[in-house]
Amino acid sequence: MAIDLDLFRRISLFEELSEAALARVVSACKVVSYEANAEVLGEQDQSNDVFFILRGGVRINSVTPGGKEVIFSDLLAGAIFGEFSAIDHLPRSAAVVAITDCLLARMTSRQFFEMLRNDGVIATRLVELLVAKIRRLSERVFEVSTLSVRERVRRELLRLAVSGTRTGTGITIRPAPTHYEFAALIGSHREAVTREFNRLEGQGTLQVGRQQIRIVAPQNLRDLYGD
């Protein structure tokens, strides 16, 4: 399969590489495609390859023995995943599922380490990405451990708004997560999220439609409030 180098250029690790260095990265990868809803990696999978998302998006999640899903993050084109197992060679700590049709580049752990040893720019960028992931995870743990559902809903809406589309004074999130998915993102349950969305709609802050959420009054979400 002939691959456009520009697809690899969009990967955050490779933004600053020369054409020759980028070509070497491409030659070390195997490009694979997945249909929407296909499992890319299973939790506790023993593989240790690294994946780069060229097109589409994936979901990083875990399911408890009781069947409750926890969504850690949704990753889109330009992101990487699988680097934890590539580094420590332990089983996968979460599952990865395609949320759209995807085109992924796969690199073995050995090739990944060789790339890091040979290119300080990539190694430095990886450290930056890992620190950012740790900060996000720390933030999530704090929120689930200490904050009310109302506050967690507010914070998650503001995160989603960053990649939303500004329309007039409002912001439209499309496609928006379902109530179930939203609950799995914030460590709650669907009924609690539905109640909070209804409350926000009632006060004129949100308009919830099919596969979209319009934040009519973003400032209402930015203002801190308690229960």
C-alpha atoms as a PDB file:
ATOM      1  CA  MET A   1       0.000   0.000   0.000  1.00  0.00           C
ATOM      2  CA  ALA A   2       1.444   3.353  -1.065  1.00  0.00           C
ATOM      3  CA  ILE A   3       1.252   5.759   1.867  1.00  0.00           C
ATOM      4  CA  ASP A   4       1.351   9.532   1.650  1.00  0.00           C
ATOM      5  CA  LEU A   5       4.169  10.819   3.860  1.00  0.00           C
ATOM      6  CA  ASP A   6       1.914  13.701   4.885  1.00  0.00           C
ATOM      7  CA  LEU A   7      -0.219  11.217   6.844  1.00  0.00           C
ATOM      8  CA  PHE A   8       2.820  10.402   8.991  1.00  0.00           C
ATOM      9  CA  ARG A   9       3.734  14.084   9.219  1.00  0.00           C
ATOM     10  CA  ARG A  10       0.467  14.605  11.128  1.00  0.00           C
ATOM     11  CA  ILE A  11       1.664  12.280  13.896  1.00  0.00           C
ATOM     12  CA  SER A  12       2.749  14.503  16.767  1.00  0.00           C
ATOM     13  CA  LEU A  13       6.057  12.644  17.210  1.00  0.00           C
ATOM     14  CA  PHE A  14       7.109  13.233  13.618  1.00  0.00           C
ATOM     15  CA  GLU A  15       6.119  16.840  12.952  1.00  0.00           C
ATOM     16  CA  GLU A  16       9.698  18.136  12.923  1.00  0.00           C
ATOM     17  CA  LEU A  17      11.406  15.322  10.992  1.00  0.00           C
ATOM     18  CA  SER A  18      13.190  15.791   7.693  1.00  0.00           C
ATOM     19  CA  GLU A  19      11.844  13.990   4.628  1.00  0.00           C
ATOM     20  CA  ALA A  20      14.625  11.409   4.849  1.00  0.00           C
ATOM     21  CA  ALA A  21      14.038  10.741   8.552  1.00  0.00           C
ATOM     22  CA  LEU A  22      10.290  10.491   8.001  1.00  0.00           C
ATOM     23  CA  ALA A  23      10.822   8.028   5.155  1.00  0.00           C
ATOM     24  CA  ARG A  24      12.849   5.819   7.522  1.00  0.00           C
ATOM     25  CA  VAL A  25       9.990   5.866  10.025  1.00  0.00           C
ATOM     26  CA  VAL A  26       7.504   4.873   7.333  1.00  0.00           C
ATOM     27  CA  SER A  27       9.704   1.989   6.197  1.00  0.00           C
ATOM     28  CA  ALA A  28       9.747   0.634   9.779  1.00  0.00           C
ATOM     29  CA  CYS A  29       5.944   0.538  10.013  1.00  0.00           C
ATOM     30  CA  LYS A  30       3.277  -1.852   8.841  1.00  0.00           C
ATOM     31  CA  VAL A  31       0.084  -0.042   7.804  1.00  0.00           C
ATOM     32  CA  VAL A  32      -3.169  -1.778   8.761  1.00  0.00           C
ATOM     33  CA  SER A  33      -6.844  -0.845   8.495  1.00  0.00           C
ATOM     34  CA  TYR A  34      -9.743  -1.559  10.849  1.00  0.00           C
ATOM     35  CA  GLU A  35     -13.466  -1.157  10.367  1.00  0.00           C
ATOM     36  CA  ALA A  36     -15.531   0.818  12.872  1.00  0.00           C
ATOM     37  CA  ASN A  37     -16.216  -1.130  16.109  1.00  0.00           C
ATOM     38  CA  ALA A  38     -13.388  -3.600  15.455  1.00  0.00           C
ATOM     39  CA  GLU A  39     -11.145  -4.451  18.402  1.00  0.00           C
ATOM     40  CA  VAL A  40      -7.583  -3.309  17.774  1.00  0.00           C
ATOM     41  CA  LEU A  41      -6.142  -4.514  21.086  1.00  0.00           C
ATOM     42  CA  GLY A  42      -7.642  -6.446  23.958  1.00  0.00           C
ATOM     43  CA  GLU A  43      -7.062  -5.668  27.608  1.00  0.00           C
ATOM     44  CA  GLN A  44      -4.151  -7.797  28.924  1.00  0.00           C
ATOM     45  CA  ASP A  45      -3.046  -8.434  25.320  1.00  0.00           C
ATOM     46  CA  GLN A  46       0.589  -9.603  25.378  1.00  0.00           C
ATOM     47  CA  SER A  47       1.750  -7.647  22.302  1.00  0.00           C
ATOM     48  CA  ASN A  48       4.018  -4.588  22.675  1.00  0.00           C
ATOM     49  CA  ASP A  49       3.844  -2.789  19.323  1.00  0.00           C
ATOM     50  CA  VAL A  50       3.254   0.974  19.077  1.00  0.00           C
ATOM     51  CA  PHE A  51       0.436   2.352  16.912  1.00  0.00           C
ATOM     52  CA  PHE A  52       0.174   5.673  15.077  1.00  0.00           C
ATOM     53  CA  ILE A  53      -3.273   6.842  13.943  1.00  0.00           C
ATOM     54  CA  LEU A  54      -3.123   7.979  10.320  1.00  0.00           C
ATOM     55  CA  ARG A  55      -6.879   8.240   9.751  1.00  0.00           C
ATOM     56  CA  GLY A  56      -9.962   7.771  11.898  1.00  0.00           C
ATOM     57  CA  GLY A  57     -10.209   7.375  15.659  1.00  0.00           C
ATOM     58  CA  VAL A  58     -10.010   4.796  18.441  1.00  0.00           C
ATOM     59  CA  ARG A  59     -11.333   4.481  21.969  1.00  0.00           C
ATOM     60  CA  ILE A  60      -9.213   3.428  24.939  1.00  0.00           C
ATOM     61  CA  ASN A  61     -11.453   1.696  27.456  1.00  0.00           C
ATOM     62  CA  SER A  62     -11.767  -0.975  30.102  1.00  0.00           C
ATOM     63  CA  VAL A  63     -14.743  -3.049  31.277  1.00  0.00           C
ATOM     64  CA  THR A  64     -15.179  -4.206  34.873  1.00  0.00           C
ATOM     65  CA  PRO A  65     -16.135  -7.819  35.689  1.00  0.00           C
ATOM     66  CA  GLY A  66     -19.633  -6.460  36.367  1.00  0.00           C
ATOM     67  CA  GLY A  67     -19.863  -5.053  32.854  1.00  0.00           C
ATOM     68  CA  LYS A  68     -19.355  -1.354  33.607  1.00  0.00           C
ATOM     69  CA  GLU A  69     -17.342   0.427  30.932  1.00  0.00           C
ATOM     70  CA  VAL A  70     -14.739   3.064  31.743  1.00  0.00           C
ATOM     71  CA  ILE A  71     -13.637   5.240  28.813  1.00  0.00           C
ATOM     72  CA  PHE A  72     -10.152   6.654  29.294  1.00  0.00           C
ATOM     73  CA  SER A  73      -9.955   8.637  26.072  1.00  0.00           C
ATOM     74  CA  ASP A  74     -10.852   8.853  22.398  1.00  0.00           C
ATOM     75  CA  LEU A  75      -7.841   9.368  20.139  1.00  0.00           C
ATOM     76  CA  LEU A  76      -7.963  10.784  16.620  1.00  0.00           C
ATOM     77  CA  ALA A  77      -5.598  11.011  13.652  1.00  0.00           C
ATOM     78  CA  GLY A  78      -2.177  12.270  14.742  1.00  0.00           C
ATOM     79  CA  ALA A  79      -2.170  10.470  18.091  1.00  0.00           C
ATOM     80  CA  ILE A  80      -0.211   7.406  19.188  1.00  0.00           C
ATOM     81  CA  PHE A  81      -1.092   4.549  21.529  1.00  0.00           C
ATOM     82  CA  GLY A  82       0.510   1.380  22.829  1.00  0.00           C
ATOM     83  CA  GLU A  83       3.728   3.081  23.913  1.00  0.00           C
ATOM     84  CA  PHE A  84       3.333   1.998  27.562  1.00  0.00           C
ATOM     85  CA  SER A  85       3.622  -1.710  26.736  1.00  0.00           C
ATOM     86  CA  ALA A  86       6.357  -0.972  24.213  1.00  0.00           C
ATOM     87  CA  ILE A  87       8.387   0.621  27.012  1.00  0.00           C
ATOM     88  CA  ASP A  88       7.749  -1.716  29.966  1.00  0.00           C
ATOM     89  CA  HIS A  89       6.809  -4.925  28.042  1.00  0.00           C
ATOM     90  CA  LEU A  90       3.855  -5.558  30.361  1.00  0.00           C
ATOM     91  CA  PRO A  91       0.393  -6.624  29.089  1.00  0.00           C
ATOM     92  CA  ARG A  92      -1.935  -3.952  27.754  1.00  0.00           C
ATOM     93  CA  SER A  93      -3.634  -2.048  30.567  1.00  0.00           C
ATOM     94  CA  ALA A  94      -6.742  -1.259  28.487  1.00  0.00           C
ATOM     95  CA  ALA A  95      -8.558  -2.297  25.331  1.00  0.00           C
ATOM     96  CA  VAL A  96      -8.542  -0.296  22.095  1.00  0.00           C
ATOM     97  CA  VAL A  97     -11.569  -0.250  19.776  1.00  0.00           C
ATOM     98  CA  ALA A  98     -11.979   1.565  16.451  1.00  0.00           C
ATOM     99  CA  ILE A  99     -14.745   4.187  16.703  1.00  0.00           C
ATOM    100  CA  THR A 100     -14.553   4.871  12.944  1.00  0.00           C
ATOM    101  CA  ASP A 101     -12.932   3.130  10.008  1.00  0.00           C
ATOM    102  CA  CYS A 102      -9.224   3.529  10.790  1.00  0.00           C
ATOM    103  CA  LEU A 103      -5.852   3.480   9.106  1.00  0.00           C
ATOM    104  CA  LEU A 104      -3.076   2.739  11.590  1.00  0.00           C
ATOM    105  CA  ALA A 105       0.692   2.372  11.331  1.00  0.00           C
ATOM    106  CA  ARG A 106       2.185  -0.316  13.558  1.00  0.00           C
ATOM    107  CA  MET A 107       5.823  -0.417  14.724  1.00  0.00           C
ATOM    108  CA  THR A 108       7.489  -3.110  16.814  1.00  0.00           C
ATOM    109  CA  SER A 109       8.855  -2.277  20.244  1.00  0.00           C
ATOM    110  CA  ARG A 110      12.417  -3.029  19.076  1.00  0.00           C
ATOM    111  CA  GLN A 111      12.126  -0.629  16.134  1.00  0.00           C
ATOM    112  CA  PHE A 112      10.497   1.967  18.389  1.00  0.00           C
ATOM    113  CA  PHE A 113      13.428   1.899  20.837  1.00  0.00           C
ATOM    114  CA  GLU A 114      15.918   2.029  17.986  1.00  0.00           C
ATOM    115  CA  MET A 115      14.143   5.117  16.642  1.00  0.00           C
ATOM    116  CA  LEU A 116      14.259   6.801  20.065  1.00  0.00           C
ATOM    117  CA  ARG A 117      17.969   6.055  20.502  1.00  0.00           C
ATOM    118  CA  ASN A 118      18.786   7.454  17.074  1.00  0.00           C
ATOM    119  CA  ASP A 119      16.652  10.590  17.121  1.00  0.00           C
ATOM    120  CA  GLY A 120      16.724  12.954  20.085  1.00  0.00           C
ATOM    121  CA  VAL A 121      13.915  15.081  18.646  1.00  0.00           C
ATOM    122  CA  ILE A 122      11.504  12.132  18.655  1.00  0.00           C
ATOM    123  CA  ALA A 123      12.661  11.017  22.110  1.00  0.00           C
ATOM    124  CA  THR A 124      12.112  14.499  23.544  1.00  0.00           C
ATOM    125  CA  ARG A 125       8.679  14.745  21.945  1.00  0.00           C
ATOM    126  CA  LEU A 126       7.718  11.363  23.405  1.00  0.00           C
ATOM    127  CA  VAL A 127       8.648  12.547  26.901  1.00  0.00           C
ATOM    128  CA  GLU A 128       6.421  15.591  26.395  1.00  0.00           C
ATOM    129  CA  LEU A 129       3.516  13.402  25.261  1.00  0.00           C
ATOM    130  CA  LEU A 130       3.907  11.017  28.200  1.00  0.00           C
ATOM    131  CA  VAL A 131       3.973  13.897  30.687  1.00  0.00           C
ATOM    132  CA  ALA A 132       0.788  15.300  29.113  1.00  0.00           C
ATOM    133  CA  LYS A 133      -0.916  11.891  29.437  1.00  0.00           C
ATOM    134  CA  ILE A 134       0.105  11.585  33.084  1.00  0.00           C
ATOM    135  CA  ARG A 135      -1.261  15.056  33.817  1.00  0.00           C
ATOM    136  CA  ARG A 136      -4.597  14.180  32.185  1.00  0.00           C
ATOM    137  CA  LEU A 137      -4.841  10.913  34.101  1.00  0.00           C
ATOM    138  CA  SER A 138      -3.999  12.672  37.385  1.00  0.00           C
ATOM    139  CA  GLU A 139      -6.726  15.200  36.662  1.00  0.00           C
ATOM    140  CA  ARG A 140      -9.245  12.421  35.977  1.00  0.00           C
ATOM    141  CA  VAL A 141      -8.362  10.581  39.193  1.00  0.00           C
ATOM    142  CA  PHE A 142      -8.801  13.785  41.200  1.00  0.00           C
ATOM    143  CA  GLU A 143     -12.169  14.507  39.617  1.00  0.00           C
ATOM    144  CA  VAL A 144     -13.610  11.009  40.088  1.00  0.00           C
ATOM    145  CA  SER A 145     -12.311  10.841  43.667  1.00  0.00           C
ATOM    146  CA  THR A 146     -13.415  14.246  44.917  1.00  0.00           C
ATOM    147  CA  LEU A 147     -15.963  16.022  42.695  1.00  0.00           C
ATOM    148  CA  SER A 148     -19.723  15.747  42.342  1.00  0.00           C
ATOM    149  CA  VAL A 149     -21.319  14.425  39.162  1.00  0.00           C
ATOM    150  CA  ARG A 150     -22.496  17.964  38.423  1.00  0.00           C
ATOM    151  CA  GLU A 151     -18.971  19.327  38.488  1.00  0.00           C
ATOM    152  CA  ARG A 152     -17.572  16.395  36.489  1.00  0.00           C
ATOM    153  CA  VAL A 153     -20.227  16.939  33.806  1.00  0.00           C
ATOM    154  CA  ARG A 154     -19.327  20.632  33.666  1.00  0.00           C
ATOM    155  CA  ARG A 155     -15.607  19.935  33.271  1.00  0.00           C
ATOM    156  CA  GLU A 156     -16.119  17.277  30.600  1.00  0.00           C
ATOM    157  CA  LEU A 157     -18.358  19.567  28.565  1.00  0.00           C
ATOM    158  CA  LEU A 158     -15.652  22.236  28.676  1.00  0.00           C
ATOM    159  CA  ARG A 159     -13.062  19.694  27.467  1.00  0.00           C
ATOM    160  CA  LEU A 160     -15.287  18.679  24.568  1.00  0.00           C
ATOM    161  CA  ALA A 161     -15.942  22.328  23.751  1.00  0.00           C
ATOM    162  CA  VAL A 162     -12.243  22.854  22.967  1.00  0.00           C
ATOM    163  CA  SER A 163     -12.631  20.814  19.763  1.00  0.00           C
ATOM    164  CA  GLY A 164     -16.212  21.982  19.116  1.00  0.00           C
ATOM    165  CA  THR A 165     -17.408  24.386  16.442  1.00  0.00           C
ATOM    166  CA  ARG A 166     -18.166  27.955  17.483  1.00  0.00           C
ATOM    167  CA  THR A 167     -21.508  29.104  16.120  1.00  0.00           C
ATOM    168  CA  GLY A 168     -22.367  32.655  17.147  1.00  0.00           C
ATOM    169  CA  THR A 169     -21.910  32.891  20.886  1.00  0.00           C
ATOM    170  CA  GLY A 170     -22.349  29.143  21.364  1.00  0.00           C
ATOM    171  CA  ILE A 171     -20.282  26.018  20.725  1.00  0.00           C
ATOM    172  CA  THR A 172     -21.531  22.880  18.963  1.00  0.00           C
ATOM    173  CA  ILE A 173     -20.043  19.476  19.790  1.00  0.00           C
ATOM    174  CA  ARG A 174     -20.590  17.035  16.919  1.00  0.00           C
ATOM    175  CA  PRO A 175     -20.571  14.093  17.010  1.00  0.00           C
ATOM    176  CA  ALA A 176     -21.342  14.204  20.711  1.00  0.00           C
ATOM    177  CA  PRO A 177     -21.023  11.219  23.050  1.00  0.00           C
ATOM    178  CA  THR A 178     -24.220   9.472  24.084  1.00  0.00           C
ATOM    179  CA  HIS A 179     -25.342   9.813  27.690  1.00  0.00           C
ATOM    180  CA  TYR A 180     -23.931   6.331  28.312  1.00  0.00           C
ATOM    181  CA  GLU A 181     -20.564   7.257  26.782  1.00  0.00           C
ATOM    182  CA  PHE A 182     -20.477  10.542  28.678  1.00  0.00           C
ATOM    183  CA  ALA A 183     -21.095   8.667  31.932  1.00  0.00           C
ATOM    184  CA  ALA A 184     -18.277   6.223  31.114  1.00  0.00           C
ATOM    185  CA  LEU A 185     -15.951   9.180  30.541  1.00  0.00           C
ATOM    186  CA  ILE A 186     -16.606  10.779  33.932  1.00  0.00           C
ATOM    187  CA  GLY A 187     -17.017   7.659  36.067  1.00  0.00           C
ATOM    188  CA  SER A 188     -20.748   7.969  36.636  1.00  0.00           C
ATOM    189  CA  HIS A 189     -23.931   6.349  35.274  1.00  0.00           C
ATOM    190  CA  ARG A 190     -26.270   7.255  32.436  1.00  0.00           C
ATOM    191  CA  GLU A 191     -29.205   8.288  34.628  1.00  0.00           C
ATOM    192  CA  ALA A 192     -27.134  10.850  36.540  1.00  0.00           C
ATOM    193  CA  VAL A 193     -25.819  12.350  33.306  1.00  0.00           C
ATOM    194  CA  THR A 194     -29.330  12.547  31.849  1.00  0.00           C
ATOM    195  CA  ARG A 195     -30.574  14.371  34.952  1.00  0.00           C
ATOM    196  CA  GLU A 196     -27.734  16.890  34.752  1.00  0.00           C
ATOM    197  CA  PHE A 197     -28.216  17.462  31.022  1.00  0.00           C
ATOM    198  CA  ASN A 198     -31.934  18.048  31.623  1.00  0.00           C
ATOM    199  CA  ARG A 199     -31.085  20.571  34.330  1.00  0.00           C
ATOM    200  CA  LEU A 200     -28.651  22.401  32.052  1.00  0.00           C
ATOM    201  CA  GLU A 201     -31.204  22.427  29.242  1.00  0.00           C
ATOM    202  CA  GLY A 202     -33.807  23.801  31.632  1.00  0.00           C
ATOM    203  CA  GLN A 203     -31.608  26.741  32.581  1.00  0.00           C
ATOM    204  CA  GLY A 204     -30.777  27.469  28.920  1.00  0.00           C
ATOM    205  CA  THR A 205     -27.124  26.407  29.037  1.00  0.00           C
ATOM    206  CA  LEU A 206     -27.387  23.397  26.695  1.00  0.00           C
ATOM    207  CA  GLN A 207     -29.400  22.167  23.749  1.00  0.00           C
ATOM    208  CA  VAL A 208     -29.032  18.403  23.371  1.00  0.00           C
ATOM    209  CA  GLY A 209     -29.907  16.963  19.963  1.00  0.00           C
ATOM    210  CA  ARG A 210     -29.268  13.819  17.986  1.00  0.00           C
ATOM    211  CA  GLN A 211     -25.495  13.213  17.994  1.00  0.00           C
ATOM    212  CA  GLN A 212     -24.792  16.796  18.970  1.00  0.00           C
ATOM    213  CA  ILE A 213     -24.661  19.074  21.992  1.00  0.00           C
ATOM    214  CA  ARG A 214     -24.879  22.818  21.602  1.00  0.00           C
ATOM    215  CA  ILE A 215     -23.493  24.820  24.494  1.00  0.00           C
ATOM    216  CA  VAL A 216     -25.704  27.873  24.226  1.00  0.00           C
ATOM    217  CA  ALA A 217     -24.123  29.766  27.115  1.00  0.00           C
ATOM    218  CA  PRO A 218     -20.471  28.668  27.555  1.00  0.00           C
ATOM    219  CA  GLN A 219     -19.946  31.208  30.318  1.00  0.00           C
ATOM    220  CA  ASN A 220     -22.480  29.369  32.485  1.00  0.00           C
ATOM    221  CA  LEU A 221     -20.182  26.318  32.345  1.00  0.00           C
ATOM    222  CA  ARG A 222     -17.048  28.340  32.994  1.00  0.00           C
ATOM    223  CA  ASP A 223     -18.530  29.794  36.185  1.00  0.00           C
ATOM    224  CA  LEU A 224     -17.846  27.456  39.096  1.00  0.00           C
ATOM    225  CA  TYR A 225     -20.854  26.269  41.012  1.00  0.00           C
ATOM    226  CA  GLY A 226     -21.585  23.705  43.681  1.00  0.00           C
ATOM    227  CA  ASP A 227     -24.436  21.346  44.435  1.00  0.00           C
END
